[in-house]
Amino acid sequence: MFTKKEIKEFIVKLGNKWFFPDFYNKITWYVITLGAGIILTPTPLKLLFYNWLIDSFNLNSGNNISLAAVGKTSVDYLLGFSLILLALLHNIFSKWLIHQSDLTRSLDKERVYAVDSALFQEFLIILSTNSLTIKMLEEHDFGNTFDLESLSDLQTFIYLWNCPEKSFLTSDLEVKKM
């Protein structure tokens, strides 16, 4: 069924995706960096930053608040881990959305193929490869006389297929039809 090598490769790939997730989104990087910064920044550096924020607020607002009035000065691990978890959930959700849009695009391609295939079958009914018109266009020397009735399939095609309903959805086929 599965060899040991295949199982090992699967486990390694799954482990790599779990321990080293693919962060392609800048928002995810910013939020994880902020969360890790909150967790890893030393408390004295945080106190300097908080004092700077409070002094800026006091200078601009006219209110006088102090660091003691703000609250505790210990490291807030809950906030940091919450930001990291939020970023991971955001990354998973955005990957799910991309996966859903890829599925939608593949379904759309299948639908376009089905519509173009049905339209091509109609085309082959009017101008089949063994019809009198095609044989005449391939073999006849138009320097000589010919019967206009032998081009009736071509006239029917031009009359019936000169409308938007008979347009191929794939642009390459539509160009070739024109």
Protein backbone atom coordinates (compact mmCIF):
# COMPACT_ATOMS: atom_id res chain seq x y z
CA MET A 1 0.00 0.00 0.00
CA PHE A 2 2.40 2.73 1.20
CA THR A 3 6.10 2.25 1.63
CA LYS A 4 7.93 3.40 4.73
CA LYS A 5 9.73 6.00 2.62
CA GLU A 6 6.44 7.51 1.37
CA ILE A 7 5.02 7.62 4.90
CA LYS A 8 8.20 9.27 6.20
CA GLU A 9 8.12 11.89 3.40
CA PHE A 10 4.47 12.60 4.17
CA ILE A 11 5.16 13.06 7.89
CA VAL A 12 8.16 15.32 7.18
CA LYS A 13 6.13 17.50 4.78
CA LEU A 14 3.25 17.69 7.24
CA GLY A 15 5.67 18.60 10.04
CA ASN A 16 7.30 21.29 7.91
CA LYS A 17 3.91 22.82 7.11
CA TRP A 18 2.89 22.68 10.78
CA PHE A 19 6.09 24.01 12.36
CA PHE A 20 7.05 26.38 9.51
CA PRO A 21 3.78 27.69 8.03
CA ASP A 22 3.85 29.58 4.77
CA PHE A 23 3.28 33.26 5.61
CA TYR A 24 2.88 34.98 2.27
CA ASN A 25 0.66 37.73 3.58
CA LYS A 26 2.25 40.95 4.93
CA ILE A 27 -0.51 41.46 7.48
CA THR A 28 0.27 38.07 8.97
CA TRP A 29 3.96 38.97 9.20
CA TYR A 30 3.23 42.31 10.86
CA VAL A 31 0.85 40.87 13.45
CA ILE A 32 3.19 37.96 14.29
CA THR A 33 6.12 40.36 14.58
CA LEU A 34 4.11 42.60 16.90
CA GLY A 35 3.03 39.62 19.03
CA ALA A 36 6.58 38.27 19.23
CA GLY A 37 7.83 41.77 20.01
CA ILE A 38 5.41 42.07 22.90
CA ILE A 39 6.51 38.69 24.26
CA LEU A 40 10.26 39.04 23.71
CA THR A 41 10.89 42.73 24.43
CA PRO A 42 12.57 43.25 27.83
CA THR A 43 10.47 45.02 30.45
CA PRO A 44 12.79 48.06 30.86
CA LEU A 45 12.57 48.76 27.14
CA LYS A 46 8.79 48.50 27.31
CA LEU A 47 8.75 50.91 30.24
CA LEU A 48 10.76 53.42 28.20
CA PHE A 49 8.33 53.08 25.31
CA TYR A 50 5.30 53.37 27.60
CA ASN A 51 6.79 56.48 29.28
CA TRP A 52 7.37 58.04 25.88
CA LEU A 53 3.74 57.31 24.88
CA ILE A 54 2.42 58.74 28.15
CA ASP A 55 4.59 61.87 27.87
CA SER A 56 3.40 62.39 24.28
CA PHE A 57 -0.20 61.96 25.38
CA ASN A 58 0.23 64.34 28.32
CA LEU A 59 1.90 66.94 26.09
CA ASN A 60 -0.80 66.83 23.41
CA SER A 61 -3.93 66.34 25.49
CA GLY A 62 -3.28 68.50 28.51
CA ASN A 63 -4.24 65.64 30.84
CA ASN A 64 -1.65 64.34 33.24
CA ILE A 65 -1.58 60.59 33.62
CA SER A 66 1.24 58.49 34.97
CA LEU A 67 2.54 55.01 34.36
CA ALA A 68 1.13 53.89 37.72
CA ALA A 69 -2.35 54.96 36.58
CA VAL A 70 -2.01 52.94 33.36
CA GLY A 71 -1.67 49.58 35.10
CA LYS A 72 0.77 46.76 35.68
CA THR A 73 4.24 46.79 34.15
CA SER A 74 4.79 43.06 33.72
CA VAL A 75 5.08 41.39 30.35
CA ASP A 76 1.70 40.72 28.85
CA TYR A 77 2.13 37.25 27.38
CA LEU A 78 -1.57 36.81 26.78
CA LEU A 79 -1.66 39.76 24.37
CA GLY A 80 1.42 38.54 22.48
CA PHE A 81 0.19 34.98 22.12
CA SER A 82 -3.27 36.23 21.16
CA LEU A 83 -1.79 38.31 18.35
CA ILE A 84 0.24 35.35 17.11
CA LEU A 85 -2.80 33.07 17.23
CA LEU A 86 -4.87 35.70 15.44
CA ALA A 87 -2.22 35.93 12.70
CA LEU A 88 -2.15 32.13 12.30
CA LEU A 89 -5.94 32.02 12.02
CA HIS A 90 -5.83 34.84 9.49
CA ASN A 91 -3.25 32.92 7.46
CA ILE A 92 -5.36 29.74 7.51
CA PHE A 93 -8.51 31.66 6.52
CA SER A 94 -6.80 33.47 3.65
CA LYS A 95 -5.34 30.18 2.35
CA TRP A 96 -8.83 28.67 2.52
CA LEU A 97 -10.22 31.61 0.50
CA ILE A 98 -7.49 31.19 -2.13
CA HIS A 99 -8.24 27.47 -2.31
CA GLN A 100 -11.95 28.21 -2.79
CA SER A 101 -11.22 30.71 -5.57
CA ASP A 102 -8.97 28.15 -7.30
CA LEU A 103 -11.79 25.62 -7.14
CA THR A 104 -14.19 28.18 -8.58
CA ARG A 105 -11.78 28.98 -11.41
CA SER A 106 -11.34 25.30 -12.26
CA LEU A 107 -15.13 24.82 -12.26
CA ASP A 108 -15.48 27.87 -14.50
CA LYS A 109 -12.91 26.41 -16.91
CA GLU A 110 -14.87 23.15 -17.02
CA ARG A 111 -18.09 25.03 -17.72
CA VAL A 112 -16.45 27.10 -20.46
CA TYR A 113 -15.08 23.90 -21.99
CA ALA A 114 -18.56 22.29 -21.89
CA VAL A 115 -20.20 25.32 -23.54
CA ASP A 116 -17.51 25.59 -26.21
CA SER A 117 -17.68 21.84 -26.84
CA ALA A 118 -21.45 21.96 -27.37
CA LEU A 119 -21.08 24.97 -29.64
CA PHE A 120 -18.37 23.20 -31.63
CA GLN A 121 -20.68 20.20 -32.10
CA GLU A 122 -23.27 22.58 -33.58
CA PHE A 123 -20.55 24.00 -35.81
CA LEU A 124 -19.66 20.52 -37.04
CA ILE A 125 -23.31 19.82 -37.88
CA ILE A 126 -23.43 22.83 -40.20
CA LEU A 127 -19.90 22.61 -41.63
CA SER A 128 -18.73 19.04 -41.21
CA THR A 129 -15.36 18.09 -42.68
CA ASN A 130 -16.95 15.81 -45.28
CA SER A 131 -19.62 18.28 -46.44
CA LEU A 132 -19.92 19.36 -50.07
CA THR A 133 -18.88 22.93 -49.20
CA ILE A 134 -15.63 21.91 -47.48
CA LYS A 135 -14.73 19.47 -50.23
CA MET A 136 -15.33 22.15 -52.85
CA LEU A 137 -13.23 24.72 -50.92
CA GLU A 138 -10.38 22.21 -50.66
CA GLU A 139 -10.41 20.78 -54.20
CA HIS A 140 -12.05 23.24 -56.60
CA ASP A 141 -10.09 25.57 -58.88
CA PHE A 142 -11.95 28.85 -58.52
CA GLY A 143 -10.60 30.04 -61.85
CA ASN A 144 -13.29 27.79 -63.38
CA THR A 145 -17.04 27.94 -62.97
CA PHE A 146 -18.80 26.38 -60.00
CA ASP A 147 -22.30 25.87 -58.68
CA LEU A 148 -23.29 28.42 -55.98
CA GLU A 149 -25.59 25.81 -54.44
CA SER A 150 -22.50 23.89 -53.30
CA LEU A 151 -21.71 26.83 -50.94
CA SER A 152 -25.12 26.66 -49.22
CA ASP A 153 -23.58 25.28 -45.99
CA LEU A 154 -21.21 28.23 -45.85
CA GLN A 155 -24.08 30.69 -46.41
CA THR A 156 -26.09 28.98 -43.67
CA PHE A 157 -23.10 29.23 -41.33
CA ILE A 158 -22.63 32.94 -42.06
CA TYR A 159 -26.35 33.62 -41.62
CA LEU A 160 -26.85 31.63 -38.40
CA TRP A 161 -23.50 32.18 -36.69
CA ASN A 162 -23.30 35.97 -36.98
CA CYS A 163 -24.76 36.54 -33.51
CA PRO A 164 -23.50 36.69 -29.91
CA GLU A 165 -25.19 33.41 -28.97
CA LYS A 166 -22.89 31.56 -31.36
CA SER A 167 -19.66 32.99 -29.97
CA PHE A 168 -17.08 30.74 -28.38
CA LEU A 169 -16.13 31.68 -24.83
CA THR A 170 -12.50 30.77 -25.44
CA SER A 171 -10.95 33.67 -27.35
CA ASP A 172 -8.63 31.44 -29.43
CA LEU A 173 -11.57 29.49 -30.82
CA GLU A 174 -13.54 32.66 -31.47
CA VAL A 175 -10.63 34.15 -33.44
CA LYS A 176 -10.35 30.98 -35.51
CA LYS A 177 -14.09 30.97 -36.14
CA MET A 178 -13.96 34.57 -37.37
